[in-house]
Every structure is written in C-alpha cells, then in structure tokens.
Amino acid sequence: MSLGTLFYGIGVGSIAFGTGFWGFLISMIVVTVGELMVIPTASTYTANRAPENMRGRYMSLLALTWGAGSMVGPLLGGFLNDNISPASIWYGGGAAGIIGSIIFLVLVIKTGGDKSTSNKLD
C-alpha cells in the first residue's frame, strides 16, 4: 500500500509540472497504477483483519473513507484554488500522497512487517 500511495502522490503532484495533453496522460497513468496497487491491497487487508462476524462493517467503513475523501477533496481543492493558486491543488495532493506513503511505511516497520492474514485478535 505504501508503494501504491507513493504512485498516487507522484502522479497527482506531477500534474502541476506537466504541460499539455501528454503530461496529463502520463500523470493519469501513474495515478492509475497507484490505484491498482492500493485498492485491492486495502480491501484484502481490511477483510483479513476483520473478525468474520464484523467483516461487512469493516468493509463499509473502508468504503466510507473513500466517500469522505470524495466529499472533502473538492472543498479543499476549491479553497486552495481560490486562496493560493490553481497549482496548489496538485502540490497538496502530491504531498498528501507522499506523506500517506511514509505513514504506511512507518506502520509496516513498527509492526515488524507482519504479513499474517489471520483473523485472530492478538
């Protein structure tokens, strides 16, 4: 998930530096690769970590986070566009992706890289 989030951050941040159609297309390809890494991994991780009788609740909360991001993103993007500059939307999105990637990496290091798919609570 850390690598996928890094791709997200680089792809979104690179939109601010690209010029024309081809720069935007390459940025969207990078974002799509990141999305293809993050979505299945997050879904699988959530399903495997949830107790069997609460799996639906965990999965719906995961979906809610994506919905909340879809609500907050345009509001924050409009604020940045109006008060700082249009390019700040892309700088902010790129920074958020890179920070998210670092957070995922720190969590992996702190947990010792546990790749267990057990549903048992320790």
PDB file of N, CA and C in Angstrom:
ATOM      1  N   MET A   1       0.822  -1.185   0.000  1.00  0.00           N
ATOM      2  CA  MET A   1       0.000   0.000   0.000  1.00  0.00           C
ATOM      3  C   MET A   1       0.865   1.247   0.000  1.00  0.00           C
ATOM      4  N   SER A   2       2.019   1.148   0.651  1.00  0.00           N
ATOM      5  CA  SER A   2       2.922   2.293   0.679  1.00  0.00           C
ATOM      6  C   SER A   2       3.388   2.656  -0.732  1.00  0.00           C
ATOM      7  N   LEU A   3       3.759   1.667  -1.512  1.00  0.00           N
ATOM      8  CA  LEU A   3       4.219   1.919  -2.875  1.00  0.00           C
ATOM      9  C   LEU A   3       3.086   2.478  -3.742  1.00  0.00           C
ATOM     10  N   GLY A   4       1.898   1.928  -3.607  1.00  0.00           N
ATOM     11  CA  GLY A   4       0.761   2.421  -4.373  1.00  0.00           C
ATOM     12  C   GLY A   4       0.411   3.857  -4.016  1.00  0.00           C
ATOM     13  N   THR A   5       0.480   4.179  -2.733  1.00  0.00           N
ATOM     14  CA  THR A   5       0.193   5.545  -2.297  1.00  0.00           C
ATOM     15  C   THR A   5       1.274   6.498  -2.792  1.00  0.00           C
ATOM     16  N   LEU A   6       2.508   6.023  -2.848  1.00  0.00           N
ATOM     17  CA  LEU A   6       3.587   6.844  -3.404  1.00  0.00           C
ATOM     18  C   LEU A   6       3.317   7.142  -4.883  1.00  0.00           C
ATOM     19  N   PHE A   7       2.863   6.135  -5.623  1.00  0.00           N
ATOM     20  CA  PHE A   7       2.500   6.359  -7.023  1.00  0.00           C
ATOM     21  C   PHE A   7       1.375   7.389  -7.126  1.00  0.00           C
ATOM     22  N   TYR A   8       0.377   7.272  -6.261  1.00  0.00           N
ATOM     23  CA  TYR A   8      -0.702   8.265  -6.229  1.00  0.00           C
ATOM     24  C   TYR A   8      -0.118   9.665  -6.046  1.00  0.00           C
ATOM     25  N   GLY A   9       0.724   9.833  -5.035  1.00  0.00           N
ATOM     26  CA  GLY A   9       1.290  11.148  -4.726  1.00  0.00           C
ATOM     27  C   GLY A   9       2.121  11.701  -5.867  1.00  0.00           C
ATOM     28  N   ILE A  10       2.958  10.855  -6.447  1.00  0.00           N
ATOM     29  CA  ILE A  10       3.797  11.309  -7.561  1.00  0.00           C
ATOM     30  C   ILE A  10       2.931  11.660  -8.771  1.00  0.00           C
ATOM     31  N   GLY A  11       1.943  10.830  -9.052  1.00  0.00           N
ATOM     32  CA  GLY A  11       1.076  11.082 -10.197  1.00  0.00           C
ATOM     33  C   GLY A  11       0.279  12.363 -10.056  1.00  0.00           C
ATOM     34  N   VAL A  12      -0.314  12.571  -8.890  1.00  0.00           N
ATOM     35  CA  VAL A  12      -1.106  13.788  -8.677  1.00  0.00           C
ATOM     36  C   VAL A  12      -0.198  15.014  -8.640  1.00  0.00           C
ATOM     37  N   GLY A  13       0.917  14.915  -7.940  1.00  0.00           N
ATOM     38  CA  GLY A  13       1.842  16.052  -7.861  1.00  0.00           C
ATOM     39  C   GLY A  13       2.443  16.424  -9.200  1.00  0.00           C
ATOM     40  N   SER A  14       2.638  15.433 -10.072  1.00  0.00           N
ATOM     41  CA  SER A  14       3.257  15.715 -11.369  1.00  0.00           C
ATOM     42  C   SER A  14       2.333  16.491 -12.307  1.00  0.00           C
ATOM     43  N   ILE A  15       1.054  16.517 -12.019  1.00  0.00           N
ATOM     44  CA  ILE A  15       0.127  17.285 -12.854  1.00  0.00           C
ATOM     45  C   ILE A  15       0.503  18.764 -12.829  1.00  0.00           C
ATOM     46  N   ALA A  16       0.987  19.249 -11.682  1.00  0.00           N
ATOM     47  CA  ALA A  16       1.381  20.661 -11.571  1.00  0.00           C
ATOM     48  C   ALA A  16       2.568  20.993 -12.467  1.00  0.00           C
ATOM     49  N   PHE A  17       3.393  20.004 -12.788  1.00  0.00           N
ATOM     50  CA  PHE A  17       4.593  20.253 -13.583  1.00  0.00           C
ATOM     51  C   PHE A  17       4.417  19.930 -15.059  1.00  0.00           C
ATOM     52  N   GLY A  18       3.382  19.161 -15.384  1.00  0.00           N
ATOM     53  CA  GLY A  18       3.172  18.751 -16.766  1.00  0.00           C
ATOM     54  C   GLY A  18       2.611  19.878 -17.624  1.00  0.00           C
ATOM     55  N   THR A  19       2.857  19.766 -18.904  1.00  0.00           N
ATOM     56  CA  THR A  19       2.288  20.735 -19.842  1.00  0.00           C
ATOM     57  C   THR A  19       1.587  19.965 -20.945  1.00  0.00           C
ATOM     58  N   GLY A  20       0.394  20.345 -21.255  1.00  0.00           N
ATOM     59  CA  GLY A  20      -0.329  19.752 -22.360  1.00  0.00           C
ATOM     60  C   GLY A  20      -0.916  18.391 -22.051  1.00  0.00           C
ATOM     61  N   PHE A  21      -1.466  17.832 -23.096  1.00  0.00           N
ATOM     62  CA  PHE A  21      -2.183  16.563 -23.001  1.00  0.00           C
ATOM     63  C   PHE A  21      -1.288  15.418 -22.561  1.00  0.00           C
ATOM     64  N   TRP A  22      -0.100  15.301 -23.148  1.00  0.00           N
ATOM     65  CA  TRP A  22       0.761  14.144 -22.874  1.00  0.00           C
ATOM     66  C   TRP A  22       1.266  14.127 -21.434  1.00  0.00           C
ATOM     67  N   GLY A  23       1.569  15.291 -20.892  1.00  0.00           N
ATOM     68  CA  GLY A  23       1.967  15.348 -19.484  1.00  0.00           C
ATOM     69  C   GLY A  23       0.842  14.894 -18.573  1.00  0.00           C
ATOM     70  N   PHE A  24      -0.372  15.328 -18.887  1.00  0.00           N
ATOM     71  CA  PHE A  24      -1.534  14.914 -18.092  1.00  0.00           C
ATOM     72  C   PHE A  24      -1.794  13.423 -18.244  1.00  0.00           C
ATOM     73  N   LEU A  25      -1.668  12.902 -19.465  1.00  0.00           N
ATOM     74  CA  LEU A  25      -1.893  11.475 -19.707  1.00  0.00           C
ATOM     75  C   LEU A  25      -0.906  10.622 -18.909  1.00  0.00           C
ATOM     76  N   ILE A  26       0.349  10.990 -18.928  1.00  0.00           N
ATOM     77  CA  ILE A  26       1.361  10.235 -18.174  1.00  0.00           C
ATOM     78  C   ILE A  26       1.063  10.295 -16.682  1.00  0.00           C
ATOM     79  N   SER A  27       0.664  11.456 -16.180  1.00  0.00           N
ATOM     80  CA  SER A  27       0.306  11.586 -14.768  1.00  0.00           C
ATOM     81  C   SER A  27      -0.859  10.671 -14.415  1.00  0.00           C
ATOM     82  N   MET A  28      -1.857  10.603 -15.285  1.00  0.00           N
ATOM     83  CA  MET A  28      -3.022   9.749 -15.020  1.00  0.00           C
ATOM     84  C   MET A  28      -2.669   8.271 -15.071  1.00  0.00           C
ATOM     85  N   ILE A  29      -1.722   7.905 -15.907  1.00  0.00           N
ATOM     86  CA  ILE A  29      -1.269   6.512 -15.939  1.00  0.00           C
ATOM     87  C   ILE A  29      -0.592   6.159 -14.625  1.00  0.00           C
ATOM     88  N   VAL A  30       0.242   7.063 -14.108  1.00  0.00           N
ATOM     89  CA  VAL A  30       0.913   6.824 -12.829  1.00  0.00           C
ATOM     90  C   VAL A  30      -0.124   6.724 -11.694  1.00  0.00           C
ATOM     91  N   VAL A  31      -1.119   7.601 -11.698  1.00  0.00           N
ATOM     92  CA  VAL A  31      -2.179   7.545 -10.678  1.00  0.00           C
ATOM     93  C   VAL A  31      -2.947   6.231 -10.779  1.00  0.00           C
ATOM     94  N   THR A  32      -3.231   5.790 -12.000  1.00  0.00           N
ATOM     95  CA  THR A  32      -3.969   4.542 -12.194  1.00  0.00           C
ATOM     96  C   THR A  32      -3.170   3.342 -11.695  1.00  0.00           C
ATOM     97  N   VAL A  33      -1.878   3.324 -11.938  1.00  0.00           N
ATOM     98  CA  VAL A  33      -1.032   2.243 -11.421  1.00  0.00           C
ATOM     99  C   VAL A  33      -1.078   2.249  -9.887  1.00  0.00           C
ATOM    100  N   GLY A  34      -1.002   3.428  -9.294  1.00  0.00           N
ATOM    101  CA  GLY A  34      -1.108   3.526  -7.833  1.00  0.00           C
ATOM    102  C   GLY A  34      -2.440   3.014  -7.324  1.00  0.00           C
ATOM    103  N   GLU A  35      -3.509   3.367  -8.022  1.00  0.00           N
ATOM    104  CA  GLU A  35      -4.836   2.913  -7.626  1.00  0.00           C
ATOM    105  C   GLU A  35      -4.947   1.395  -7.728  1.00  0.00           C
ATOM    106  N   LEU A  36      -4.370   0.826  -8.778  1.00  0.00           N
ATOM    107  CA  LEU A  36      -4.407  -0.626  -8.939  1.00  0.00           C
ATOM    108  C   LEU A  36      -3.606  -1.345  -7.858  1.00  0.00           C
ATOM    109  N   MET A  37      -2.663  -0.663  -7.242  1.00  0.00           N
ATOM    110  CA  MET A  37      -1.912  -1.247  -6.129  1.00  0.00           C
ATOM    111  C   MET A  37      -2.645  -1.083  -4.803  1.00  0.00           C
ATOM    112  N   VAL A  38      -3.270   0.072  -4.603  1.00  0.00           N
ATOM    113  CA  VAL A  38      -3.848   0.390  -3.298  1.00  0.00           C
ATOM    114  C   VAL A  38      -5.198  -0.283  -3.064  1.00  0.00           C
ATOM    115  N   ILE A  39      -6.115  -0.188  -3.999  1.00  0.00           N
ATOM    116  CA  ILE A  39      -7.489  -0.635  -3.775  1.00  0.00           C
ATOM    117  C   ILE A  39      -7.578  -2.126  -3.438  1.00  0.00           C
ATOM    118  N   PRO A  40      -7.019  -3.022  -4.241  1.00  0.00           N
ATOM    119  CA  PRO A  40      -7.130  -4.438  -3.882  1.00  0.00           C
ATOM    120  C   PRO A  40      -6.390  -4.778  -2.586  1.00  0.00           C
ATOM    121  N   THR A  41      -5.252  -4.139  -2.358  1.00  0.00           N
ATOM    122  CA  THR A  41      -4.483  -4.411  -1.143  1.00  0.00           C
ATOM    123  C   THR A  41      -5.238  -3.954   0.093  1.00  0.00           C
ATOM    124  N   ALA A  42      -5.823  -2.759   0.047  1.00  0.00           N
ATOM    125  CA  ALA A  42      -6.582  -2.245   1.186  1.00  0.00           C
ATOM    126  C   ALA A  42      -7.808  -3.102   1.449  1.00  0.00           C
ATOM    127  N   SER A  43      -8.503  -3.517   0.403  1.00  0.00           N
ATOM    128  CA  SER A  43      -9.692  -4.359   0.567  1.00  0.00           C
ATOM    129  C   SER A  43      -9.332  -5.709   1.176  1.00  0.00           C
ATOM    130  N   THR A  44      -8.277  -6.314   0.668  1.00  0.00           N
ATOM    131  CA  THR A  44      -7.845  -7.616   1.185  1.00  0.00           C
ATOM    132  C   THR A  44      -7.382  -7.502   2.626  1.00  0.00           C
ATOM    133  N   TYR A  45      -6.589  -6.490   2.924  1.00  0.00           N
ATOM    134  CA  TYR A  45      -6.097  -6.294   4.288  1.00  0.00           C
ATOM    135  C   TYR A  45      -7.264  -6.098   5.256  1.00  0.00           C
ATOM    136  N   THR A  46      -8.221  -5.264   4.866  1.00  0.00           N
ATOM    137  CA  THR A  46      -9.376  -4.996   5.730  1.00  0.00           C
ATOM    138  C   THR A  46     -10.186  -6.267   5.957  1.00  0.00           C
ATOM    139  N   ALA A  47     -10.447  -7.013   4.895  1.00  0.00           N
ATOM    140  CA  ALA A  47     -11.228  -8.245   5.023  1.00  0.00           C
ATOM    141  C   ALA A  47     -10.512  -9.278   5.892  1.00  0.00           C
ATOM    142  N   ASN A  48      -9.199  -9.376   5.754  1.00  0.00           N
ATOM    143  CA  ASN A  48      -8.444 -10.359   6.528  1.00  0.00           C
ATOM    144  C   ASN A  48      -8.288  -9.982   7.993  1.00  0.00           C
ATOM    145  N   ARG A  49      -8.252  -8.699   8.292  1.00  0.00           N
ATOM    146  CA  ARG A  49      -8.077  -8.258   9.678  1.00  0.00           C
ATOM    147  C   ARG A  49      -9.397  -8.207  10.455  1.00  0.00           C
ATOM    148  N   ALA A  50     -10.504  -8.151   9.749  1.00  0.00           N
ATOM    149  CA  ALA A  50     -11.802  -8.039  10.410  1.00  0.00           C
ATOM    150  C   ALA A  50     -12.230  -9.385  10.980  1.00  0.00           C
ATOM    151  N   PRO A  51     -12.835  -9.357  12.178  1.00  0.00           N
ATOM    152  CA  PRO A  51     -13.438 -10.600  12.672  1.00  0.00           C
ATOM    153  C   PRO A  51     -14.539 -11.035  11.686  1.00  0.00           C
ATOM    154  N   GLU A  52     -14.709 -12.319  11.520  1.00  0.00           N
ATOM    155  CA  GLU A  52     -15.626 -12.822  10.495  1.00  0.00           C
ATOM    156  C   GLU A  52     -17.043 -12.264  10.634  1.00  0.00           C
ATOM    157  N   ASN A  53     -17.524 -12.119  11.850  1.00  0.00           N
ATOM    158  CA  ASN A  53     -18.891 -11.642  12.042  1.00  0.00           C
ATOM    159  C   ASN A  53     -19.026 -10.124  11.865  1.00  0.00           C
ATOM    160  N   MET A  54     -17.908  -9.397  11.692  1.00  0.00           N
ATOM    161  CA  MET A  54     -17.959  -7.944  11.521  1.00  0.00           C
ATOM    162  C   MET A  54     -17.331  -7.499  10.193  1.00  0.00           C
ATOM    163  N   ARG A  55     -17.107  -8.426   9.311  1.00  0.00           N
ATOM    164  CA  ARG A  55     -16.427  -8.114   8.061  1.00  0.00           C
ATOM    165  C   ARG A  55     -17.188  -7.066   7.234  1.00  0.00           C
ATOM    166  N   GLY A  56     -18.499  -7.168   7.189  1.00  0.00           N
ATOM    167  CA  GLY A  56     -19.295  -6.198   6.438  1.00  0.00           C
ATOM    168  C   GLY A  56     -19.145  -4.791   6.976  1.00  0.00           C
ATOM    169  N   ARG A  57     -19.103  -4.655   8.295  1.00  0.00           N
ATOM    170  CA  ARG A  57     -18.932  -3.334   8.906  1.00  0.00           C
ATOM    171  C   ARG A  57     -17.560  -2.747   8.580  1.00  0.00           C
ATOM    172  N   TYR A  58     -16.537  -3.574   8.649  1.00  0.00           N
ATOM    173  CA  TYR A  58     -15.196  -3.095   8.337  1.00  0.00           C
ATOM    174  C   TYR A  58     -15.109  -2.642   6.878  1.00  0.00           C
ATOM    175  N   MET A  59     -15.683  -3.441   5.975  1.00  0.00           N
ATOM    176  CA  MET A  59     -15.629  -3.107   4.553  1.00  0.00           C
ATOM    177  C   MET A  59     -16.437  -1.843   4.249  1.00  0.00           C
ATOM    178  N   SER A  60     -17.574  -1.675   4.936  1.00  0.00           N
ATOM    179  CA  SER A  60     -18.363  -0.464   4.695  1.00  0.00           C
ATOM    180  C   SER A  60     -17.648   0.765   5.234  1.00  0.00           C
ATOM    181  N   LEU A  61     -16.908   0.625   6.323  1.00  0.00           N
ATOM    182  CA  LEU A  61     -16.133   1.752   6.835  1.00  0.00           C
ATOM    183  C   LEU A  61     -15.000   2.107   5.868  1.00  0.00           C
ATOM    184  N   LEU A  62     -14.393   1.102   5.271  1.00  0.00           N
ATOM    185  CA  LEU A  62     -13.374   1.364   4.252  1.00  0.00           C
ATOM    186  C   LEU A  62     -13.979   2.143   3.084  1.00  0.00           C
ATOM    187  N   ALA A  63     -15.149   1.728   2.626  1.00  0.00           N
ATOM    188  CA  ALA A  63     -15.818   2.438   1.525  1.00  0.00           C
ATOM    189  C   ALA A  63     -16.208   3.851   1.943  1.00  0.00           C
ATOM    190  N   LEU A  64     -16.579   4.025   3.210  1.00  0.00           N
ATOM    191  CA  LEU A  64     -16.947   5.348   3.699  1.00  0.00           C
ATOM    192  C   LEU A  64     -15.756   6.304   3.655  1.00  0.00           C
ATOM    193  N   THR A  65     -14.555   5.810   3.904  1.00  0.00           N
ATOM    194  CA  THR A  65     -13.384   6.686   3.855  1.00  0.00           C
ATOM    195  C   THR A  65     -13.160   7.213   2.442  1.00  0.00           C
ATOM    196  N   TRP A  66     -13.416   6.380   1.429  1.00  0.00           N
ATOM    197  CA  TRP A  66     -13.286   6.841   0.044  1.00  0.00           C
ATOM    198  C   TRP A  66     -14.353   7.884  -0.261  1.00  0.00           C
ATOM    199  N   GLY A  67     -15.572   7.649   0.227  1.00  0.00           N
ATOM    200  CA  GLY A  67     -16.649   8.621   0.032  1.00  0.00           C
ATOM    201  C   GLY A  67     -16.368   9.941   0.727  1.00  0.00           C
ATOM    202  N   ALA A  68     -15.811   9.866   1.933  1.00  0.00           N
ATOM    203  CA  ALA A  68     -15.474  11.089   2.671  1.00  0.00           C
ATOM    204  C   ALA A  68     -14.391  11.871   1.924  1.00  0.00           C
ATOM    205  N   GLY A  69     -13.437  11.172   1.356  1.00  0.00           N
ATOM    206  CA  GLY A  69     -12.401  11.840   0.570  1.00  0.00           C
ATOM    207  C   GLY A  69     -12.971  12.517  -0.665  1.00  0.00           C
ATOM    208  N   SER A  70     -13.967  11.878  -1.261  1.00  0.00           N
ATOM    209  CA  SER A  70     -14.628  12.481  -2.430  1.00  0.00           C
ATOM    210  C   SER A  70     -15.427  13.720  -2.056  1.00  0.00           C
ATOM    211  N   MET A  71     -15.829  13.815  -0.794  1.00  0.00           N
ATOM    212  CA  MET A  71     -16.558  14.990  -0.338  1.00  0.00           C
ATOM    213  C   MET A  71     -15.593  16.113   0.063  1.00  0.00           C
ATOM    214  N   VAL A  72     -14.566  15.774   0.795  1.00  0.00           N
ATOM    215  CA  VAL A  72     -13.638  16.777   1.317  1.00  0.00           C
ATOM    216  C   VAL A  72     -12.696  17.289   0.226  1.00  0.00           C
ATOM    217  N   GLY A  73     -12.290  16.425  -0.701  1.00  0.00           N
ATOM    218  CA  GLY A  73     -11.336  16.801  -1.743  1.00  0.00           C
ATOM    219  C   GLY A  73     -11.744  18.021  -2.556  1.00  0.00           C
ATOM    220  N   PRO A  74     -12.936  18.031  -3.136  1.00  0.00           N
ATOM    221  CA  PRO A  74     -13.332  19.218  -3.911  1.00  0.00           C
ATOM    222  C   PRO A  74     -13.461  20.481  -3.062  1.00  0.00           C
ATOM    223  N   LEU A  75     -13.904  20.339  -1.831  1.00  0.00           N
ATOM    224  CA  LEU A  75     -13.995  21.515  -0.953  1.00  0.00           C
ATOM    225  C   LEU A  75     -12.614  22.092  -0.676  1.00  0.00           C
ATOM    226  N   LEU A  76     -11.684  21.226  -0.308  1.00  0.00           N
ATOM    227  CA  LEU A  76     -10.325  21.674  -0.027  1.00  0.00           C
ATOM    228  C   LEU A  76      -9.645  22.174  -1.306  1.00  0.00           C
ATOM    229  N   GLY A  77      -9.883  21.482  -2.425  1.00  0.00           N
ATOM    230  CA  GLY A  77      -9.304  21.911  -3.693  1.00  0.00           C
ATOM    231  C   GLY A  77      -9.811  23.281  -4.116  1.00  0.00           C
ATOM    232  N   GLY A  78     -11.100  23.533  -3.934  1.00  0.00           N
ATOM    233  CA  GLY A  78     -11.653  24.848  -4.256  1.00  0.00           C
ATOM    234  C   GLY A  78     -11.072  25.939  -3.383  1.00  0.00           C
ATOM    235  N   PHE A  79     -10.891  25.634  -2.095  1.00  0.00           N
ATOM    236  CA  PHE A  79     -10.278  26.600  -1.180  1.00  0.00           C
ATOM    237  C   PHE A  79      -8.853  26.922  -1.614  1.00  0.00           C
ATOM    238  N   LEU A  80      -8.065  25.891  -1.929  1.00  0.00           N
ATOM    239  CA  LEU A  80      -6.682  26.111  -2.366  1.00  0.00           C
ATOM    240  C   LEU A  80      -6.643  26.890  -3.683  1.00  0.00           C
ATOM    241  N   ASN A  81      -7.529  26.541  -4.606  1.00  0.00           N
ATOM    242  CA  ASN A  81      -7.582  27.230  -5.900  1.00  0.00           C
ATOM    243  C   ASN A  81      -7.901  28.714  -5.729  1.00  0.00           C
ATOM    244  N   ASP A  82      -8.863  29.024  -4.877  1.00  0.00           N
ATOM    245  CA  ASP A  82      -9.300  30.413  -4.714  1.00  0.00           C
ATOM    246  C   ASP A  82      -8.344  31.255  -3.878  1.00  0.00           C
ATOM    247  N   ASN A  83      -7.693  30.652  -2.898  1.00  0.00           N
ATOM    248  CA  ASN A  83      -6.902  31.430  -1.950  1.00  0.00           C
ATOM    249  C   ASN A  83      -5.390  31.359  -2.158  1.00  0.00           C
ATOM    250  N   ILE A  84      -4.906  30.351  -2.842  1.00  0.00           N
ATOM    251  CA  ILE A  84      -3.452  30.249  -3.039  1.00  0.00           C
ATOM    252  C   ILE A  84      -3.145  30.288  -4.534  1.00  0.00           C
ATOM    253  N   SER A  85      -3.396  29.189  -5.233  1.00  0.00           N
ATOM    254  CA  SER A  85      -3.221  29.161  -6.695  1.00  0.00           C
ATOM    255  C   SER A  85      -3.813  27.856  -7.221  1.00  0.00           C
ATOM    256  N   PRO A  86      -4.154  27.808  -8.497  1.00  0.00           N
ATOM    257  CA  PRO A  86      -4.679  26.560  -9.053  1.00  0.00           C
ATOM    258  C   PRO A  86      -3.684  25.394  -8.941  1.00  0.00           C
ATOM    259  N   ALA A  87      -2.399  25.665  -9.066  1.00  0.00           N
ATOM    260  CA  ALA A  87      -1.396  24.591  -8.983  1.00  0.00           C
ATOM    261  C   ALA A  87      -1.270  24.027  -7.569  1.00  0.00           C
ATOM    262  N   SER A  88      -1.691  24.784  -6.554  1.00  0.00           N
ATOM    263  CA  SER A  88      -1.564  24.311  -5.178  1.00  0.00           C
ATOM    264  C   SER A  88      -2.418  23.075  -4.915  1.00  0.00           C
ATOM    265  N   ILE A  89      -3.479  22.891  -5.704  1.00  0.00           N
ATOM    266  CA  ILE A  89      -4.293  21.679  -5.581  1.00  0.00           C
ATOM    267  C   ILE A  89      -3.422  20.452  -5.838  1.00  0.00           C
ATOM    268  N   TRP A  90      -2.635  20.511  -6.878  1.00  0.00           N
ATOM    269  CA  TRP A  90      -1.804  19.371  -7.266  1.00  0.00           C
ATOM    270  C   TRP A  90      -0.613  19.201  -6.334  1.00  0.00           C
ATOM    271  N   TYR A  91      -0.027  20.311  -5.878  1.00  0.00           N
ATOM    272  CA  TYR A  91       1.052  20.208  -4.887  1.00  0.00           C
ATOM    273  C   TYR A  91       0.524  19.584  -3.600  1.00  0.00           C
ATOM    274  N   GLY A  92      -0.650  20.035  -3.168  1.00  0.00           N
ATOM    275  CA  GLY A  92      -1.246  19.498  -1.938  1.00  0.00           C
ATOM    276  C   GLY A  92      -1.589  18.025  -2.063  1.00  0.00           C
ATOM    277  N   GLY A  93      -2.162  17.635  -3.208  1.00  0.00           N
ATOM    278  CA  GLY A  93      -2.482  16.226  -3.424  1.00  0.00           C
ATOM    279  C   GLY A  93      -1.236  15.354  -3.484  1.00  0.00           C
ATOM    280  N   GLY A  94      -0.202  15.860  -4.136  1.00  0.00           N
ATOM    281  CA  GLY A  94       1.062  15.121  -4.197  1.00  0.00           C
ATOM    282  C   GLY A  94       1.691  14.971  -2.824  1.00  0.00           C
ATOM    283  N   ALA A  95       1.681  16.053  -2.047  1.00  0.00           N
ATOM    284  CA  ALA A  95       2.237  15.993  -0.688  1.00  0.00           C
ATOM    285  C   ALA A  95       1.444  15.027   0.185  1.00  0.00           C
ATOM    286  N   ALA A  96       0.112  15.047   0.066  1.00  0.00           N
ATOM    287  CA  ALA A  96      -0.717  14.129   0.859  1.00  0.00           C
ATOM    288  C   ALA A  96      -0.410  12.677   0.510  1.00  0.00           C
ATOM    289  N   GLY A  97      -0.214  12.387  -0.779  1.00  0.00           N
ATOM    290  CA  GLY A  97       0.121  11.030  -1.188  1.00  0.00           C
ATOM    291  C   GLY A  97       1.470  10.579  -0.671  1.00  0.00           C
ATOM    292  N   ILE A  98       2.448  11.451  -0.736  1.00  0.00           N
ATOM    293  CA  ILE A  98       3.793  11.097  -0.264  1.00  0.00           C
ATOM    294  C   ILE A  98       3.795  10.937   1.258  1.00  0.00           C
ATOM    295  N   ILE A  99       3.102  11.814   1.964  1.00  0.00           N
ATOM    296  CA  ILE A  99       3.000  11.689   3.422  1.00  0.00           C
ATOM    297  C   ILE A  99       2.275  10.397   3.794  1.00  0.00           C
ATOM    298  N   GLY A 100       1.206  10.078   3.061  1.00  0.00           N
ATOM    299  CA  GLY A 100       0.496   8.824   3.305  1.00  0.00           C
ATOM    300  C   GLY A 100       1.381   7.615   3.085  1.00  0.00           C
ATOM    301  N   SER A 101       2.202   7.660   2.056  1.00  0.00           N
ATOM    302  CA  SER A 101       3.124   6.567   1.778  1.00  0.00           C
ATOM    303  C   SER A 101       4.123   6.381   2.917  1.00  0.00           C
ATOM    304  N   ILE A 102       4.621   7.483   3.439  1.00  0.00           N
ATOM    305  CA  ILE A 102       5.563   7.415   4.565  1.00  0.00           C
ATOM    306  C   ILE A 102       4.876   6.846   5.800  1.00  0.00           C
ATOM    307  N   ILE A 103       3.643   7.251   6.042  1.00  0.00           N
ATOM    308  CA  ILE A 103       2.901   6.733   7.193  1.00  0.00           C
ATOM    309  C   ILE A 103       2.699   5.228   7.068  1.00  0.00           C
ATOM    310  N   PHE A 104       2.306   4.750   5.884  1.00  0.00           N
ATOM    311  CA  PHE A 104       2.157   3.305   5.686  1.00  0.00           C
ATOM    312  C   PHE A 104       3.476   2.582   5.910  1.00  0.00           C
ATOM    313  N   LEU A 105       4.571   3.150   5.438  1.00  0.00           N
ATOM    314  CA  LEU A 105       5.882   2.535   5.605  1.00  0.00           C
ATOM    315  C   LEU A 105       6.270   2.468   7.077  1.00  0.00           C
ATOM    316  N   VAL A 106       6.023   3.534   7.826  1.00  0.00           N
ATOM    317  CA  VAL A 106       6.318   3.545   9.259  1.00  0.00           C
ATOM    318  C   VAL A 106       5.477   2.491   9.980  1.00  0.00           C
ATOM    319  N   LEU A 107       4.219   2.352   9.608  1.00  0.00           N
ATOM    320  CA  LEU A 107       3.366   1.342  10.238  1.00  0.00           C
ATOM    321  C   LEU A 107       3.880  -0.069   9.969  1.00  0.00           C
ATOM    322  N   VAL A 108       4.368  -0.314   8.758  1.00  0.00           N
ATOM    323  CA  VAL A 108       4.921  -1.633   8.436  1.00  0.00           C
ATOM    324  C   VAL A 108       6.165  -1.895   9.277  1.00  0.00           C
ATOM    325  N   ILE A 109       7.012  -0.891   9.417  1.00  0.00           N
ATOM    326  CA  ILE A 109       8.239  -1.055  10.199  1.00  0.00           C
ATOM    327  C   ILE A 109       7.905  -1.283  11.673  1.00  0.00           C
ATOM    328  N   LYS A 110       6.959  -0.515  12.210  1.00  0.00           N
ATOM    329  CA  LYS A 110       6.594  -0.659  13.622  1.00  0.00           C
ATOM    330  C   LYS A 110       5.952  -1.996  13.928  1.00  0.00           C
ATOM    331  N   THR A 111       5.210  -2.563  12.984  1.00  0.00           N
ATOM    332  CA  THR A 111       4.561  -3.848  13.228  1.00  0.00           C
ATOM    333  C   THR A 111       5.461  -5.017  12.846  1.00  0.00           C
ATOM    334  N   GLY A 112       6.648  -4.718  12.388  1.00  0.00           N
ATOM    335  CA  GLY A 112       7.587  -5.768  12.040  1.00  0.00           C
ATOM    336  C   GLY A 112       7.281  -6.423  10.705  1.00  0.00           C
ATOM    337  N   GLY A 113       6.479  -5.762   9.881  1.00  0.00           N
ATOM    338  CA  GLY A 113       6.161  -6.321   8.569  1.00  0.00           C
ATOM    339  C   GLY A 113       5.310  -7.559   8.645  1.00  0.00           C
ATOM    340  N   ASP A 114       4.451  -7.655   9.671  1.00  0.00           N
ATOM    341  CA  ASP A 114       3.589  -8.819   9.851  1.00  0.00           C
ATOM    342  C   ASP A 114       2.688  -8.991   8.640  1.00  0.00           C
ATOM    343  N   LYS A 115       2.883 -10.075   7.914  1.00  0.00           N
ATOM    344  CA  LYS A 115       2.074 -10.339   6.727  1.00  0.00           C
ATOM    345  C   LYS A 115       1.012 -11.380   7.027  1.00  0.00           C
ATOM    346  N   SER A 116       0.722 -11.545   8.297  1.00  0.00           N
ATOM    347  CA  SER A 116      -0.270 -12.524   8.710  1.00  0.00           C
ATOM    348  C   SER A 116      -1.643 -12.137   8.188  1.00  0.00           C
ATOM    349  N   THR A 117      -2.364 -13.121   7.725  1.00  0.00           N
ATOM    350  CA  THR A 117      -3.744 -12.873   7.282  1.00  0.00           C
ATOM    351  C   THR A 117      -4.727 -13.500   8.251  1.00  0.00           C
ATOM    352  N   SER A 118      -4.264 -13.738   9.455  1.00  0.00           N
ATOM    353  CA  SER A 118      -5.113 -14.357  10.462  1.00  0.00           C
ATOM    354  C   SER A 118      -6.222 -13.409  10.895  1.00  0.00           C
ATOM    355  N   ASN A 119      -7.384 -13.972  11.191  1.00  0.00           N
ATOM    356  CA  ASN A 119      -8.499 -13.174  11.700  1.00  0.00           C
ATOM    357  C   ASN A 119      -8.501 -13.122  13.213  1.00  0.00           C
ATOM    358  N   LYS A 120      -7.535 -13.732  13.838  1.00  0.00           N
ATOM    359  CA  LYS A 120      -7.483 -13.752  15.286  1.00  0.00           C
ATOM    360  C   LYS A 120      -6.985 -12.417  15.807  1.00  0.00           C
ATOM    361  N   LEU A 121      -7.580 -11.974  16.889  1.00  0.00           N
ATOM    362  CA  LEU A 121      -7.113 -10.753  17.544  1.00  0.00           C
ATOM    363  C   LEU A 121      -6.056 -11.142  18.548  1.00  0.00           C
ATOM    364  N   ASP A 122      -4.891 -10.519  18.473  1.00  0.00           N
ATOM    365  CA  ASP A 122      -3.785 -10.857  19.385  1.00  0.00           C
ATOM    366  C   ASP A 122      -3.943 -10.145  20.703  1.00  0.00           C
TER     367      ASP A 122
END
